[in-house]
N, C-alpha and C. Protein backbone atom coordinates (compact mmCIF):
# COMPACT_ATOMS: atom_id res chain seq x y z
N UNK A 1 -41.16 31.46 53.71
CA UNK A 1 -40.00 32.47 53.61
C UNK A 1 -39.09 32.20 52.38
N UNK A 2 -38.65 30.97 52.30
CA UNK A 2 -37.83 30.62 51.20
C UNK A 2 -38.42 30.61 49.90
N UNK A 3 -39.71 30.43 49.62
CA UNK A 3 -40.43 30.43 48.38
C UNK A 3 -40.55 31.99 48.06
N UNK A 4 -40.66 32.92 48.96
CA UNK A 4 -40.66 34.30 48.45
C UNK A 4 -39.31 34.73 48.02
N UNK A 5 -38.25 34.36 48.90
CA UNK A 5 -37.04 34.77 48.47
C UNK A 5 -36.75 34.23 47.10
N UNK A 6 -37.08 32.83 46.69
CA UNK A 6 -36.67 32.41 45.37
C UNK A 6 -37.51 33.08 44.54
N UNK A 7 -38.57 33.32 44.49
CA UNK A 7 -39.48 34.02 43.55
C UNK A 7 -38.89 35.40 43.33
N UNK A 8 -38.60 36.29 44.31
CA UNK A 8 -38.16 37.54 44.03
C UNK A 8 -36.74 37.55 43.42
N UNK A 9 -35.82 36.87 43.93
CA UNK A 9 -34.65 36.47 43.31
C UNK A 9 -34.69 36.21 41.93
N UNK A 10 -35.27 35.30 41.63
CA UNK A 10 -35.60 35.02 40.28
C UNK A 10 -36.09 36.28 39.34
N UNK A 11 -37.02 37.01 39.73
CA UNK A 11 -37.42 38.22 39.05
C UNK A 11 -36.43 39.20 39.11
N UNK A 12 -35.93 39.49 40.00
CA UNK A 12 -34.62 40.44 39.91
C UNK A 12 -33.41 40.02 39.06
N UNK A 13 -33.02 38.57 39.01
CA UNK A 13 -32.14 38.18 38.04
C UNK A 13 -32.51 38.46 36.72
N UNK A 14 -33.73 38.41 36.38
CA UNK A 14 -34.19 38.76 34.93
C UNK A 14 -33.84 40.03 34.59
N UNK A 15 -33.72 41.02 35.56
CA UNK A 15 -33.55 42.36 35.30
C UNK A 15 -32.19 43.05 35.50
N UNK A 16 -31.20 41.98 35.68
CA UNK A 16 -29.87 42.47 35.89
C UNK A 16 -29.39 42.81 34.65
N UNK A 17 -28.84 44.24 34.72
CA UNK A 17 -28.05 44.69 33.57
C UNK A 17 -27.00 45.75 34.05
N UNK A 18 -27.10 46.61 34.76
CA UNK A 18 -26.01 47.41 35.31
C UNK A 18 -24.71 46.96 35.49
N UNK A 19 -24.75 45.73 36.48
CA UNK A 19 -23.49 45.17 36.99
C UNK A 19 -22.79 44.60 35.71
N UNK A 20 -23.41 43.82 34.93
CA UNK A 20 -22.80 43.09 33.80
C UNK A 20 -22.26 44.19 32.77
N UNK A 21 -23.21 45.09 32.55
CA UNK A 21 -22.76 46.16 31.58
C UNK A 21 -21.24 46.94 32.18
N UNK A 22 -21.26 47.09 33.21
CA UNK A 22 -20.15 47.85 33.74
C UNK A 22 -18.98 47.08 34.06
N UNK A 23 -19.15 45.92 34.54
CA UNK A 23 -17.85 44.97 34.60
C UNK A 23 -17.36 44.33 33.53
N UNK A 24 -18.35 43.60 32.73
CA UNK A 24 -17.66 42.89 31.57
C UNK A 24 -18.13 43.16 30.25
N UNK A 25 -19.27 43.84 30.14
CA UNK A 25 -19.93 44.39 28.94
C UNK A 25 -20.43 43.06 28.01
N UNK A 26 -20.62 42.07 28.80
CA UNK A 26 -21.36 40.93 28.36
C UNK A 26 -20.23 39.82 27.73
N UNK A 27 -18.90 40.13 27.84
CA UNK A 27 -17.99 39.26 27.46
C UNK A 27 -17.21 38.44 28.65
N UNK A 28 -16.10 37.49 28.37
CA UNK A 28 -15.69 37.43 27.02
C UNK A 28 -16.80 36.96 26.01
N UNK A 29 -16.80 37.18 24.58
CA UNK A 29 -17.92 36.76 23.82
C UNK A 29 -19.10 37.26 24.41
N UNK A 30 -19.86 36.14 24.78
CA UNK A 30 -21.33 36.41 25.29
C UNK A 30 -21.46 35.60 26.52
N UNK A 31 -20.46 35.25 27.15
CA UNK A 31 -20.34 34.40 28.38
C UNK A 31 -21.38 34.80 29.52
N UNK A 32 -21.06 36.29 29.76
CA UNK A 32 -22.09 36.82 30.91
C UNK A 32 -23.14 37.64 30.44
N UNK A 33 -23.49 37.37 29.31
CA UNK A 33 -24.62 38.22 28.82
C UNK A 33 -25.96 37.85 29.16
N UNK A 34 -26.80 38.76 29.72
CA UNK A 34 -28.14 38.36 30.25
C UNK A 34 -29.24 38.75 29.32
N UNK A 35 -30.27 38.55 29.49
CA UNK A 35 -31.26 38.66 28.47
C UNK A 35 -31.48 40.26 28.50
N UNK A 36 -31.46 41.16 29.60
CA UNK A 36 -31.84 42.49 29.38
C UNK A 36 -30.49 43.17 28.51
N UNK A 37 -29.50 42.56 28.83
CA UNK A 37 -28.29 43.13 28.19
C UNK A 37 -28.36 42.92 26.76
N UNK A 38 -28.69 41.69 26.38
CA UNK A 38 -29.01 41.26 24.98
C UNK A 38 -29.93 42.28 24.18
N UNK A 39 -30.94 42.43 25.07
CA UNK A 39 -32.18 43.60 24.47
C UNK A 39 -31.40 44.93 24.39
N UNK A 40 -30.81 45.45 25.25
CA UNK A 40 -30.22 46.71 25.02
C UNK A 40 -29.27 46.64 23.91
N UNK A 41 -28.48 45.53 23.65
CA UNK A 41 -27.29 45.61 22.56
C UNK A 41 -27.99 45.63 21.11
N UNK A 42 -29.18 44.70 21.14
CA UNK A 42 -29.81 44.62 20.05
C UNK A 42 -30.71 45.92 19.62
N UNK A 43 -31.23 46.60 20.47
CA UNK A 43 -31.87 47.79 20.40
C UNK A 43 -31.13 49.19 20.01
N UNK A 44 -29.97 49.18 20.95
CA UNK A 44 -29.39 50.60 20.90
C UNK A 44 -28.04 50.39 19.95
N UNK A 45 -27.32 49.30 20.01
CA UNK A 45 -26.02 49.29 19.30
C UNK A 45 -26.24 48.80 18.12
N UNK A 46 -27.21 47.81 17.78
CA UNK A 46 -27.30 47.18 16.22
C UNK A 46 -28.60 47.84 15.70
N UNK A 47 -29.35 48.56 16.31
CA UNK A 47 -30.47 49.26 15.80
C UNK A 47 -31.73 48.41 15.53
N UNK A 48 -31.69 47.26 16.05
CA UNK A 48 -32.80 46.44 15.81
C UNK A 48 -33.98 46.63 16.77
N UNK A 49 -34.69 47.73 16.69
CA UNK A 49 -35.51 48.20 17.61
C UNK A 49 -36.69 47.23 17.98
N UNK A 50 -37.36 46.79 16.87
CA UNK A 50 -38.30 45.92 16.70
C UNK A 50 -38.14 44.72 17.34
N UNK A 51 -36.85 44.27 17.01
CA UNK A 51 -36.47 42.73 17.44
C UNK A 51 -36.28 42.81 19.05
N UNK A 52 -35.55 43.89 19.46
CA UNK A 52 -35.34 44.21 20.94
C UNK A 52 -36.70 44.31 21.45
N UNK A 53 -37.69 44.88 21.06
CA UNK A 53 -39.04 45.14 21.51
C UNK A 53 -39.79 43.75 21.77
N UNK A 54 -39.43 42.84 20.98
CA UNK A 54 -40.22 41.65 20.83
C UNK A 54 -39.72 40.64 21.86
N UNK A 55 -38.38 40.59 21.79
CA UNK A 55 -37.54 40.04 23.04
C UNK A 55 -37.83 40.51 24.45
N UNK A 56 -37.81 41.71 24.59
CA UNK A 56 -38.43 42.31 25.76
C UNK A 56 -39.76 41.89 26.39
N UNK A 57 -40.69 41.90 25.36
CA UNK A 57 -42.23 41.42 25.83
C UNK A 57 -42.02 40.05 25.98
N UNK A 58 -41.21 38.99 25.39
CA UNK A 58 -41.04 37.81 25.75
C UNK A 58 -40.23 37.64 27.10
N UNK A 59 -39.58 38.72 27.56
CA UNK A 59 -39.02 38.50 28.84
C UNK A 59 -40.17 38.99 29.99
N UNK A 60 -41.20 39.36 29.48
CA UNK A 60 -42.22 39.81 30.48
C UNK A 60 -43.11 38.77 30.83
N UNK A 61 -43.14 37.73 29.90
CA UNK A 61 -44.14 36.49 30.34
C UNK A 61 -43.66 35.80 31.50
N UNK A 62 -42.45 35.46 31.62
CA UNK A 62 -41.76 34.72 32.90
C UNK A 62 -42.17 35.66 34.09
N UNK A 63 -42.00 36.94 33.94
CA UNK A 63 -42.13 37.70 35.18
C UNK A 63 -43.68 37.72 35.58
N UNK A 64 -44.59 37.66 34.65
CA UNK A 64 -45.85 37.78 35.01
C UNK A 64 -46.09 36.55 35.90
N UNK A 65 -45.73 35.52 35.50
CA UNK A 65 -45.81 34.06 36.06
C UNK A 65 -45.16 34.17 37.34
N UNK A 66 -44.07 34.71 37.48
CA UNK A 66 -43.42 34.72 38.94
C UNK A 66 -44.02 35.68 39.70
N UNK A 67 -44.60 36.72 39.20
CA UNK A 67 -45.28 37.79 40.14
C UNK A 67 -46.61 37.16 40.35
N UNK A 68 -47.42 36.55 39.55
CA UNK A 68 -48.46 35.94 40.18
C UNK A 68 -48.21 34.67 41.20
N UNK A 69 -47.26 33.94 41.18
CA UNK A 69 -47.12 32.91 41.86
C UNK A 69 -46.49 33.87 43.30
N UNK A 70 -45.86 34.77 43.24
CA UNK A 70 -45.56 35.47 44.43
C UNK A 70 -46.93 36.19 45.09
N UNK A 71 -47.62 36.63 44.50
CA UNK A 71 -49.01 37.04 44.99
C UNK A 71 -49.80 36.15 45.54
N UNK A 72 -49.72 35.12 44.72
CA UNK A 72 -50.61 33.91 45.27
C UNK A 72 -50.25 33.27 46.62
N UNK A 73 -48.76 33.20 46.59
CA UNK A 73 -48.19 32.79 47.94
C UNK A 73 -48.35 33.72 49.28
N UNK A 74 -48.29 34.99 48.86
CA UNK A 74 -48.21 36.00 49.88
C UNK A 74 -49.85 36.11 50.24
N UNK A 75 -50.71 36.20 49.45
CA UNK A 75 -51.93 36.61 49.65
C UNK A 75 -53.13 35.38 49.93
N UNK A 76 -52.31 34.22 50.14
CA UNK A 76 -53.08 33.06 50.49
C UNK A 76 -54.08 33.15 51.70
N UNK A 77 -55.05 32.31 51.55
CA UNK A 77 -55.56 32.62 52.90
C UNK A 77 -55.01 31.36 53.90
N UNK A 78 -55.23 31.67 55.17
CA UNK A 78 -54.53 30.86 56.20
C UNK A 78 -55.63 30.07 56.80
């Protein structure tokens, strides 16, 4: 149970955007900026769509590994 919670929480933490955007907007400075917030600001505010897209694809890689670990843990044979 603990492994499932850890894997799911780490996947959800990679996607955290709305709370940080509304509460601190990534500040002070970049102290509370997450990867999804960084992608949003580079793509929408600074207009670097290609760079933001490549960083977003780099964010997908850990999510794939975490999802694979979750699926392997849940669907293992007993």
